[in-house]
Full PDB file with SEQRES, HELIX, SHEET, SSBOND, CRYST1, ORIGX, SCALE, CONECT and MASTER records, all heavy atoms in Angstrom:
SEQRES   1 A   40  ASP GLU ILE LYS TYR GLY PRO ALA PRO ALA PHE LEU PRO          
SEQRES   2 A   40  PRO GLY ALA GLN LEU ALA VAL LEU GLU GLY ASN PRO MET          
SEQRES   3 A   40  GLY ALA SER GLY ASP PHE THR ILE ARG LEU LYS ILE PRO          
SEQRES   4 A   40  ASP                                                          
SHEET    1 AA1 2 GLN A  17  GLY A  23  0                                        
SHEET    2 AA1 2 PHE A  32  LYS A  37 -1                                        
CRYST1    1.000    1.000    1.000  90.00  90.00  90.00 P 1           1          
ORIGX1      1.000000  0.000000  0.000000        0.00000                         
ORIGX2      0.000000  1.000000  0.000000        0.00000                         
ORIGX3      0.000000  0.000000  1.000000        0.00000                         
SCALE1      1.000000  0.000000  0.000000        0.00000                         
SCALE2      0.000000  1.000000  0.000000        0.00000                         
SCALE3      0.000000  0.000000  1.000000        0.00000                         
ATOM      1  N   ASP A   1     128.421 161.956 111.445  1.00  0.00           N  
ATOM      2  CA  ASP A   1     127.916 161.181 110.321  1.00  0.00           C  
ATOM      3  C   ASP A   1     128.514 161.582 108.946  1.00  0.00           C  
ATOM      4  O   ASP A   1     128.309 161.001 107.996  1.00  0.00           O  
ATOM      5  CB  ASP A   1     126.359 161.266 110.272  1.00  0.00           C  
ATOM      6  CG  ASP A   1     125.845 162.609 110.123  1.00  0.00           C  
ATOM      7  OD1 ASP A   1     126.608 163.657 110.389  1.00  0.00           O  
ATOM      8  OD2 ASP A   1     124.651 162.832 109.738  1.00  0.00           O  
ATOM      9  N   GLU A   2     129.346 162.644 108.941  1.00  0.00           N  
ATOM     10  CA  GLU A   2     129.977 163.144 107.708  1.00  0.00           C  
ATOM     11  C   GLU A   2     131.412 162.529 107.531  1.00  0.00           C  
ATOM     12  O   GLU A   2     131.990 162.862 106.537  1.00  0.00           O  
ATOM     13  CB  GLU A   2     130.011 164.689 107.777  1.00  0.00           C  
ATOM     14  CG  GLU A   2     128.759 165.441 107.800  1.00  0.00           C  
ATOM     15  CD  GLU A   2     128.984 166.861 107.925  1.00  0.00           C  
ATOM     16  OE1 GLU A   2     129.815 167.348 108.676  1.00  0.00           O  
ATOM     17  OE2 GLU A   2     128.224 167.695 107.266  1.00  0.00           O  
ATOM     18  N   ILE A   3     131.817 161.907 108.561  1.00  0.00           N  
ATOM     19  CA  ILE A   3     133.191 161.272 108.516  1.00  0.00           C  
ATOM     20  C   ILE A   3     133.061 159.984 107.539  1.00  0.00           C  
ATOM     21  O   ILE A   3     132.490 159.061 108.068  1.00  0.00           O  
ATOM     22  CB  ILE A   3     133.883 160.999 109.821  1.00  0.00           C  
ATOM     23  CG1 ILE A   3     133.959 162.363 110.572  1.00  0.00           C  
ATOM     24  CG2 ILE A   3     135.117 160.289 109.770  1.00  0.00           C  
ATOM     25  CD1 ILE A   3     134.427 162.341 111.985  1.00  0.00           C  
ATOM     26  N   LYS A   4     133.813 160.024 106.490  1.00  0.00           N  
ATOM     27  CA  LYS A   4     133.676 158.761 105.641  1.00  0.00           C  
ATOM     28  C   LYS A   4     134.943 158.000 105.774  1.00  0.00           C  
ATOM     29  O   LYS A   4     136.120 158.483 105.588  1.00  0.00           O  
ATOM     30  CB  LYS A   4     133.629 159.259 104.145  1.00  0.00           C  
ATOM     31  CG  LYS A   4     132.425 160.203 103.826  1.00  0.00           C  
ATOM     32  CD  LYS A   4     131.068 159.510 104.139  1.00  0.00           C  
ATOM     33  CE  LYS A   4     129.962 160.483 103.934  1.00  0.00           C  
ATOM     34  NZ  LYS A   4     128.756 160.253 104.839  1.00  0.00           N  
ATOM     35  N   TYR A   5     134.823 156.741 106.126  1.00  0.00           N  
ATOM     36  CA  TYR A   5     135.882 155.835 106.288  1.00  0.00           C  
ATOM     37  C   TYR A   5     135.974 154.996 104.992  1.00  0.00           C  
ATOM     38  O   TYR A   5     135.039 154.698 104.339  1.00  0.00           O  
ATOM     39  CB  TYR A   5     135.619 154.826 107.479  1.00  0.00           C  
ATOM     40  CG  TYR A   5     135.653 155.432 108.798  1.00  0.00           C  
ATOM     41  CD1 TYR A   5     134.491 156.124 109.421  1.00  0.00           C  
ATOM     42  CD2 TYR A   5     136.812 155.489 109.536  1.00  0.00           C  
ATOM     43  CE1 TYR A   5     134.642 156.741 110.620  1.00  0.00           C  
ATOM     44  CE2 TYR A   5     136.940 156.089 110.703  1.00  0.00           C  
ATOM     45  CZ  TYR A   5     135.851 156.746 111.287  1.00  0.00           C  
ATOM     46  OH  TYR A   5     135.822 157.262 112.543  1.00  0.00           O  
ATOM     47  N   GLY A   6     137.233 154.577 104.779  1.00  0.00           N  
ATOM     48  CA  GLY A   6     137.596 153.640 103.812  1.00  0.00           C  
ATOM     49  C   GLY A   6     138.589 152.624 104.160  1.00  0.00           C  
ATOM     50  O   GLY A   6     138.932 152.676 105.374  1.00  0.00           O  
ATOM     51  N   PRO A   7     139.064 151.747 103.347  1.00  0.00           N  
ATOM     52  CA  PRO A   7     139.967 150.698 103.799  1.00  0.00           C  
ATOM     53  C   PRO A   7     141.279 151.389 104.256  1.00  0.00           C  
ATOM     54  O   PRO A   7     141.678 152.480 103.685  1.00  0.00           O  
ATOM     55  CB  PRO A   7     140.245 149.871 102.574  1.00  0.00           C  
ATOM     56  CG  PRO A   7     139.116 150.192 101.618  1.00  0.00           C  
ATOM     57  CD  PRO A   7     138.602 151.526 101.978  1.00  0.00           C  
ATOM     58  N   ALA A   8     141.852 150.950 105.377  1.00  0.00           N  
ATOM     59  CA  ALA A   8     143.188 151.336 105.779  1.00  0.00           C  
ATOM     60  C   ALA A   8     144.274 150.954 104.819  1.00  0.00           C  
ATOM     61  O   ALA A   8     144.135 150.022 104.058  1.00  0.00           O  
ATOM     62  CB  ALA A   8     143.384 150.744 107.198  1.00  0.00           C  
ATOM     63  N   PRO A   9     145.260 151.797 104.817  1.00  0.00           N  
ATOM     64  CA  PRO A   9     146.462 151.505 103.926  1.00  0.00           C  
ATOM     65  C   PRO A   9     147.055 150.128 104.170  1.00  0.00           C  
ATOM     66  O   PRO A   9     146.830 149.515 105.234  1.00  0.00           O  
ATOM     67  CB  PRO A   9     147.588 152.564 104.375  1.00  0.00           C  
ATOM     68  CG  PRO A   9     146.769 153.568 105.120  1.00  0.00           C  
ATOM     69  CD  PRO A   9     145.638 152.908 105.701  1.00  0.00           C  
ATOM     70  N   ALA A  10     147.773 149.640 103.182  1.00  0.00           N  
ATOM     71  CA  ALA A  10     148.354 148.243 103.178  1.00  0.00           C  
ATOM     72  C   ALA A  10     149.286 148.051 104.415  1.00  0.00           C  
ATOM     73  O   ALA A  10     149.619 146.921 104.685  1.00  0.00           O  
ATOM     74  CB  ALA A  10     148.912 147.923 101.863  1.00  0.00           C  
ATOM     75  N   PHE A  11     149.857 149.122 104.921  1.00  0.00           N  
ATOM     76  CA  PHE A  11     150.788 148.914 105.944  1.00  0.00           C  
ATOM     77  C   PHE A  11     150.166 148.516 107.338  1.00  0.00           C  
ATOM     78  O   PHE A  11     150.826 148.315 108.293  1.00  0.00           O  
ATOM     79  CB  PHE A  11     151.756 150.170 106.203  1.00  0.00           C  
ATOM     80  CG  PHE A  11     151.209 151.399 106.475  1.00  0.00           C  
ATOM     81  CD1 PHE A  11     150.608 151.667 107.763  1.00  0.00           C  
ATOM     82  CD2 PHE A  11     151.094 152.441 105.495  1.00  0.00           C  
ATOM     83  CE1 PHE A  11     149.966 152.944 108.030  1.00  0.00           C  
ATOM     84  CE2 PHE A  11     150.500 153.679 105.758  1.00  0.00           C  
ATOM     85  CZ  PHE A  11     150.014 153.956 107.050  1.00  0.00           C  
ATOM     86  N   LEU A  12     148.830 148.567 107.386  1.00  0.00           N  
ATOM     87  CA  LEU A  12     148.122 148.128 108.566  1.00  0.00           C  
ATOM     88  C   LEU A  12     147.472 146.728 108.276  1.00  0.00           C  
ATOM     89  O   LEU A  12     147.049 146.464 107.055  1.00  0.00           O  
ATOM     90  CB  LEU A  12     147.003 149.013 108.938  1.00  0.00           C  
ATOM     91  CG  LEU A  12     147.477 150.369 109.589  1.00  0.00           C  
ATOM     92  CD1 LEU A  12     146.386 151.365 109.711  1.00  0.00           C  
ATOM     93  CD2 LEU A  12     148.049 150.118 110.882  1.00  0.00           C  
ATOM     94  N   PRO A  13     147.309 145.875 109.326  1.00  0.00           N  
ATOM     95  CA  PRO A  13     146.639 144.643 109.015  1.00  0.00           C  
ATOM     96  C   PRO A  13     145.281 144.830 108.480  1.00  0.00           C  
ATOM     97  O   PRO A  13     144.557 145.876 108.704  1.00  0.00           O  
ATOM     98  CB  PRO A  13     146.580 143.946 110.492  1.00  0.00           C  
ATOM     99  CG  PRO A  13     147.764 144.609 111.256  1.00  0.00           C  
ATOM    100  CD  PRO A  13     147.813 146.039 110.643  1.00  0.00           C  
ATOM    101  N   PRO A  14     144.765 143.782 107.637  1.00  0.00           N  
ATOM    102  CA  PRO A  14     143.453 144.016 107.058  1.00  0.00           C  
ATOM    103  C   PRO A  14     142.376 144.074 108.154  1.00  0.00           C  
ATOM    104  O   PRO A  14     142.523 143.468 109.333  1.00  0.00           O  
ATOM    105  CB  PRO A  14     143.242 142.681 106.298  1.00  0.00           C  
ATOM    106  CG  PRO A  14     144.640 142.131 106.223  1.00  0.00           C  
ATOM    107  CD  PRO A  14     145.441 142.629 107.300  1.00  0.00           C  
ATOM    108  N   GLY A  15     141.308 144.748 107.864  1.00  0.00           N  
ATOM    109  CA  GLY A  15     140.229 144.810 108.796  1.00  0.00           C  
ATOM    110  C   GLY A  15     139.945 146.260 109.382  1.00  0.00           C  
ATOM    111  O   GLY A  15     138.807 146.511 109.820  1.00  0.00           O  
ATOM    112  N   ALA A  16     140.857 147.113 109.328  1.00  0.00           N  
ATOM    113  CA  ALA A  16     140.707 148.386 109.860  1.00  0.00           C  
ATOM    114  C   ALA A  16     140.176 149.416 108.780  1.00  0.00           C  
ATOM    115  O   ALA A  16     140.287 149.108 107.557  1.00  0.00           O  
ATOM    116  CB  ALA A  16     142.084 148.930 110.242  1.00  0.00           C  
ATOM    117  N   GLN A  17     139.504 150.443 109.243  1.00  0.00           N  
ATOM    118  CA  GLN A  17     139.025 151.381 108.354  1.00  0.00           C  
ATOM    119  C   GLN A  17     139.630 152.835 108.691  1.00  0.00           C  
ATOM    120  O   GLN A  17     139.948 153.022 109.915  1.00  0.00           O  
ATOM    121  CB  GLN A  17     137.535 151.521 108.379  1.00  0.00           C  
ATOM    122  CG  GLN A  17     136.860 150.356 107.843  1.00  0.00           C  
ATOM    123  CD  GLN A  17     135.376 150.505 107.913  1.00  0.00           C  
ATOM    124  OE1 GLN A  17     134.771 150.922 108.822  1.00  0.00           O  
ATOM    125  NE2 GLN A  17     134.644 150.255 106.719  1.00  0.00           N  
ATOM    126  N   LEU A  18     139.865 153.686 107.766  1.00  0.00           N  
ATOM    127  CA  LEU A  18     140.575 154.947 108.005  1.00  0.00           C  
ATOM    128  C   LEU A  18     139.849 156.096 107.326  1.00  0.00           C  
ATOM    129  O   LEU A  18     139.294 155.872 106.318  1.00  0.00           O  
ATOM    130  CB  LEU A  18     142.037 154.816 107.473  1.00  0.00           C  
ATOM    131  CG  LEU A  18     142.927 156.002 107.818  1.00  0.00           C  
ATOM    132  CD1 LEU A  18     144.099 155.524 108.531  1.00  0.00           C  
ATOM    133  CD2 LEU A  18     143.257 156.722 106.586  1.00  0.00           C  
ATOM    134  N   ALA A  19     139.800 157.220 108.074  1.00  0.00           N  
ATOM    135  CA  ALA A  19     139.292 158.446 107.477  1.00  0.00           C  
ATOM    136  C   ALA A  19     140.393 159.548 107.701  1.00  0.00           C  
ATOM    137  O   ALA A  19     140.887 159.632 108.789  1.00  0.00           O  
ATOM    138  CB  ALA A  19     137.967 158.830 108.272  1.00  0.00           C  
ATOM    139  N   VAL A  20     140.561 160.277 106.672  1.00  0.00           N  
ATOM    140  CA  VAL A  20     141.543 161.458 106.753  1.00  0.00           C  
ATOM    141  C   VAL A  20     140.585 162.766 106.944  1.00  0.00           C  
ATOM    142  O   VAL A  20     139.851 163.028 106.229  1.00  0.00           O  
ATOM    143  CB  VAL A  20     142.396 161.621 105.404  1.00  0.00           C  
ATOM    144  CG1 VAL A  20     143.213 162.821 105.527  1.00  0.00           C  
ATOM    145  CG2 VAL A  20     143.118 160.337 105.196  1.00  0.00           C  
ATOM    146  N   LEU A  21     140.842 163.293 108.186  1.00  0.00           N  
ATOM    147  CA  LEU A  21     140.155 164.476 108.585  1.00  0.00           C  
ATOM    148  C   LEU A  21     140.820 165.740 108.061  1.00  0.00           C  
ATOM    149  O   LEU A  21     140.253 166.688 107.801  1.00  0.00           O  
ATOM    150  CB  LEU A  21     139.950 164.536 109.970  1.00  0.00           C  
ATOM    151  CG  LEU A  21     139.250 163.347 110.749  1.00  0.00           C  
ATOM    152  CD1 LEU A  21     139.110 163.549 112.174  1.00  0.00           C  
ATOM    153  CD2 LEU A  21     137.805 163.222 110.128  1.00  0.00           C  
ATOM    154  N   GLU A  22     142.154 165.700 108.022  1.00  0.00           N  
ATOM    155  CA  GLU A  22     143.000 166.883 107.723  1.00  0.00           C  
ATOM    156  C   GLU A  22     144.199 166.530 107.280  1.00  0.00           C  
ATOM    157  O   GLU A  22     144.852 165.645 107.734  1.00  0.00           O  
ATOM    158  CB  GLU A  22     142.996 167.723 109.127  1.00  0.00           C  
ATOM    159  CG  GLU A  22     143.856 168.884 108.992  1.00  0.00           C  
ATOM    160  CD  GLU A  22     144.961 168.916 110.026  1.00  0.00           C  
ATOM    161  OE1 GLU A  22     145.098 168.072 110.894  1.00  0.00           O  
ATOM    162  OE2 GLU A  22     145.863 169.760 109.970  1.00  0.00           O  
ATOM    163  N   GLY A  23     144.810 167.274 106.239  1.00  0.00           N  
ATOM    164  CA  GLY A  23     146.136 167.049 105.751  1.00  0.00           C  
ATOM    165  C   GLY A  23     146.280 165.875 104.910  1.00  0.00           C  
ATOM    166  O   GLY A  23     145.309 165.227 104.518  1.00  0.00           O  
ATOM    167  N   ASN A  24     147.562 165.523 104.619  1.00  0.00           N  
ATOM    168  CA  ASN A  24     147.928 164.309 103.934  1.00  0.00           C  
ATOM    169  C   ASN A  24     148.837 163.493 104.768  1.00  0.00           C  
ATOM    170  O   ASN A  24     150.108 163.910 104.793  1.00  0.00           O  
ATOM    171  CB  ASN A  24     148.494 164.705 102.595  1.00  0.00           C  
ATOM    172  CG  ASN A  24     148.870 163.484 101.728  1.00  0.00           C  
ATOM    173  OD1 ASN A  24     148.753 162.390 102.155  1.00  0.00           O  
ATOM    174  ND2 ASN A  24     149.469 163.787 100.659  1.00  0.00           N  
ATOM    175  N   PRO A  25     148.411 162.416 105.428  1.00  0.00           N  
ATOM    176  CA  PRO A  25     149.333 161.639 106.311  1.00  0.00           C  
ATOM    177  C   PRO A  25     150.578 161.105 105.493  1.00  0.00           C  
ATOM    178  O   PRO A  25     151.554 160.747 106.082  1.00  0.00           O  
ATOM    179  CB  PRO A  25     148.431 160.682 106.861  1.00  0.00           C  
ATOM    180  CG  PRO A  25     147.180 160.570 106.189  1.00  0.00           C  
ATOM    181  CD  PRO A  25     147.052 161.910 105.426  1.00  0.00           C  
ATOM    182  N   MET A  26     150.368 160.882 104.221  1.00  0.00           N  
ATOM    183  CA  MET A  26     151.431 160.237 103.364  1.00  0.00           C  
ATOM    184  C   MET A  26     152.266 161.300 102.721  1.00  0.00           C  
ATOM    185  O   MET A  26     153.177 161.034 101.961  1.00  0.00           O  
ATOM    186  CB  MET A  26     150.909 159.217 102.355  1.00  0.00           C  
ATOM    187  CG  MET A  26     150.072 158.279 103.094  1.00  0.00           C  
ATOM    188  SD  MET A  26     150.689 157.421 104.518  1.00  0.00           S  
ATOM    189  CE  MET A  26     151.972 156.432 103.763  1.00  0.00           C  
ATOM    190  N   GLY A  27     151.893 162.574 102.956  1.00  0.00           N  
ATOM    191  CA  GLY A  27     152.646 163.644 102.256  1.00  0.00           C  
ATOM    192  C   GLY A  27     154.156 163.818 102.813  1.00  0.00           C  
ATOM    193  O   GLY A  27     154.514 163.173 103.828  1.00  0.00           O  
ATOM    194  N   ALA A  28     154.869 164.615 102.113  1.00  0.00           N  
ATOM    195  CA  ALA A  28     156.246 164.850 102.558  1.00  0.00           C  
ATOM    196  C   ALA A  28     156.393 165.608 103.794  1.00  0.00           C  
ATOM    197  O   ALA A  28     157.391 165.455 104.587  1.00  0.00           O  
ATOM    198  CB  ALA A  28     157.086 165.474 101.528  1.00  0.00           C  
ATOM    199  N   SER A  29     155.371 166.473 104.120  1.00  0.00           N  
ATOM    200  CA  SER A  29     155.438 167.220 105.373  1.00  0.00           C  
ATOM    201  C   SER A  29     153.973 167.797 105.657  1.00  0.00           C  
ATOM    202  O   SER A  29     153.063 167.663 104.868  1.00  0.00           O  
ATOM    203  CB  SER A  29     156.337 168.398 105.294  1.00  0.00           C  
ATOM    204  OG  SER A  29     155.966 169.373 104.238  1.00  0.00           O  
ATOM    205  N   GLY A  30     153.888 168.444 106.854  1.00  0.00           N  
ATOM    206  CA  GLY A  30     152.615 169.081 107.134  1.00  0.00           C  
ATOM    207  C   GLY A  30     151.762 168.304 108.268  1.00  0.00           C  
ATOM    208  O   GLY A  30     152.136 167.137 108.460  1.00  0.00           O  
ATOM    209  N   ASP A  31     150.852 168.946 108.850  1.00  0.00           N  
ATOM    210  CA  ASP A  31     150.019 168.339 109.875  1.00  0.00           C  
ATOM    211  C   ASP A  31     149.094 167.403 109.243  1.00  0.00           C  
ATOM    212  O   ASP A  31     148.589 167.650 108.075  1.00  0.00           O  
ATOM    213  CB  ASP A  31     149.243 169.304 110.657  1.00  0.00           C  
ATOM    214  CG  ASP A  31     150.134 170.346 111.512  1.00  0.00           C  
ATOM    215  OD1 ASP A  31     151.215 169.927 111.849  1.00  0.00           O  
ATOM    216  OD2 ASP A  31     149.656 171.442 111.685  1.00  0.00           O  
ATOM    217  N   PHE A  32     148.682 166.447 110.016  1.00  0.00           N  
ATOM    218  CA  PHE A  32     147.630 165.525 109.579  1.00  0.00           C  
ATOM    219  C   PHE A  32     146.823 165.083 110.726  1.00  0.00           C  
ATOM    220  O   PHE A  32     147.172 165.067 111.880  1.00  0.00           O  
ATOM    221  CB  PHE A  32     148.131 164.309 108.626  1.00  0.00           C  
ATOM    222  CG  PHE A  32     148.679 163.233 109.643  1.00  0.00           C  
ATOM    223  CD1 PHE A  32     148.118 162.259 110.331  1.00  0.00           C  
ATOM    224  CD2 PHE A  32     150.078 163.288 109.789  1.00  0.00           C  
ATOM    225  CE1 PHE A  32     148.633 161.253 111.138  1.00  0.00           C  
ATOM    226  CE2 PHE A  32     150.757 162.314 110.617  1.00  0.00           C  
ATOM    227  CZ  PHE A  32     150.026 161.388 111.210  1.00  0.00           C  
ATOM    228  N   THR A  33     145.498 164.757 110.453  1.00  0.00           N  
ATOM    229  CA  THR A  33     144.600 164.132 111.508  1.00  0.00           C  
ATOM    230  C   THR A  33     143.848 163.029 110.818  1.00  0.00           C  
ATOM    231  O   THR A  33     143.317 163.310 109.841  1.00  0.00           O  
ATOM    232  CB  THR A  33     143.681 165.149 112.122  1.00  0.00           C  
ATOM    233  OG1 THR A  33     144.430 166.282 112.619  1.00  0.00           O  
ATOM    234  CG2 THR A  33     142.818 164.520 113.215  1.00  0.00           C  
ATOM    235  N   ILE A  34     143.940 161.777 111.407  1.00  0.00           N  
ATOM    236  CA  ILE A  34     143.079 160.704 110.798  1.00  0.00           C  
ATOM    237  C   ILE A  34     142.296 160.110 111.904  1.00  0.00           C  
ATOM    238  O   ILE A  34     142.667 160.305 113.201  1.00  0.00           O  
ATOM    239  CB  ILE A  34     143.996 159.655 110.156  1.00  0.00           C  
ATOM    240  CG1 ILE A  34     145.022 159.041 111.247  1.00  0.00           C  
ATOM    241  CG2 ILE A  34     144.721 160.228 108.977  1.00  0.00           C  
ATOM    242  CD1 ILE A  34     145.957 158.009 110.724  1.00  0.00           C  
ATOM    243  N   ARG A  35     141.304 159.307 111.539  1.00  0.00           N  
ATOM    244  CA  ARG A  35     140.621 158.366 112.544  1.00  0.00           C  
ATOM    245  C   ARG A  35     140.819 157.035 111.997  1.00  0.00           C  
ATOM    246  O   ARG A  35     140.554 156.758 110.742  1.00  0.00           O  
ATOM    247  CB  ARG A  35     139.110 158.743 112.595  1.00  0.00           C  
ATOM    248  CG  ARG A  35     138.912 160.079 113.287  1.00  0.00           C  
ATOM    249  CD  ARG A  35     137.778 160.138 114.192  1.00  0.00           C  
ATOM    250  NE  ARG A  35     137.720 161.344 114.970  1.00  0.00           N  
ATOM    251  CZ  ARG A  35     136.565 161.970 115.250  1.00  0.00           C  
ATOM    252  NH1 ARG A  35     135.346 161.363 114.982  1.00  0.00           N  
ATOM    253  NH2 ARG A  35     136.542 163.095 115.919  1.00  0.00           N  
ATOM    254  N   LEU A  36     141.048 156.122 112.826  1.00  0.00           N  
ATOM    255  CA  LEU A  36     141.262 154.702 112.651  1.00  0.00           C  
ATOM    256  C   LEU A  36     140.068 153.987 113.377  1.00  0.00           C  
ATOM    257  O   LEU A  36     140.040 154.092 114.547  1.00  0.00           O  
ATOM    258  CB  LEU A  36     142.572 154.221 113.027  1.00  0.00           C  
ATOM    259  CG  LEU A  36     142.951 152.818 112.750  1.00  0.00           C  
ATOM    260  CD1 LEU A  36     143.088 152.528 111.277  1.00  0.00           C  
ATOM    261  CD2 LEU A  36     144.308 152.482 113.371  1.00  0.00           C  
ATOM    262  N   LYS A  37     139.367 153.123 112.635  1.00  0.00           N  
ATOM    263  CA  LYS A  37     138.265 152.356 113.245  1.00  0.00           C  
ATOM    264  C   LYS A  37     138.641 150.835 113.131  1.00  0.00           C  
ATOM    265  O   LYS A  37     138.957 150.442 112.058  1.00  0.00           O  
ATOM    266  CB  LYS A  37     137.025 152.626 112.565  1.00  0.00           C  
ATOM    267  CG  LYS A  37     135.800 151.814 113.132  1.00  0.00           C  
ATOM    268  CD  LYS A  37     134.515 152.041 112.154  1.00  0.00           C  
ATOM    269  CE  LYS A  37     134.028 153.403 112.066  1.00  0.00           C  
ATOM    270  NZ  LYS A  37     132.703 153.485 111.379  1.00  0.00           N  
ATOM    271  N   ILE A  38     138.785 150.125 114.280  1.00  0.00           N  
ATOM    272  CA  ILE A  38     139.232 148.857 114.371  1.00  0.00           C  
ATOM    273  C   ILE A  38     138.197 147.959 115.023  1.00  0.00           C  
ATOM    274  O   ILE A  38     137.485 148.390 115.983  1.00  0.00           O  
ATOM    275  CB  ILE A  38     140.598 148.780 114.972  1.00  0.00           C  
ATOM    276  CG1 ILE A  38     140.584 149.287 116.430  1.00  0.00           C  
ATOM    277  CG2 ILE A  38     141.688 149.474 114.154  1.00  0.00           C  
ATOM    278  CD1 ILE A  38     141.808 149.061 117.274  1.00  0.00           C  
ATOM    279  N   PRO A  39     138.053 146.762 114.548  1.00  0.00           N  
ATOM    280  CA  PRO A  39     137.138 145.748 115.279  1.00  0.00           C  
ATOM    281  C   PRO A  39     137.648 145.283 116.482  1.00  0.00           C  
ATOM    282  O   PRO A  39     138.846 145.410 116.744  1.00  0.00           O  
ATOM    283  CB  PRO A  39     136.898 144.746 114.143  1.00  0.00           C  
ATOM    284  CG  PRO A  39     138.132 144.733 113.343  1.00  0.00           C  
ATOM    285  CD  PRO A  39     138.651 146.181 113.382  1.00  0.00           C  
ATOM    286  N   ASP A  40     136.726 144.669 117.248  1.00  0.00           N  
ATOM    287  CA  ASP A  40     137.192 143.965 118.444  1.00  0.00           C  
ATOM    288  C   ASP A  40     138.216 142.897 118.273  1.00  0.00           C  
ATOM    289  O   ASP A  40     138.118 142.200 117.291  1.00  0.00           O  
ATOM    290  CB  ASP A  40     135.979 143.183 119.067  1.00  0.00           C  
ATOM    291  CG  ASP A  40     136.211 142.589 120.451  1.00  0.00           C  
ATOM    292  OD1 ASP A  40     137.052 143.216 121.239  1.00  0.00           O  
ATOM    293  OD2 ASP A  40     135.598 141.526 120.667  1.00  0.00           O  
TER     294      ASP A  40                                                      
MASTER        0    0    0    0    2    0    0    6  293    1    0    4          
END                                                                             
């Protein structure tokens, strides 16, 4: 219940939600972990 989702980046079709758990997925380097929530 602590994972906060927001709109997914523009490079994904509309309707998905994304939460960044760790790192910066758009950064120049480094590990990242994200969750993507998509509808049926």
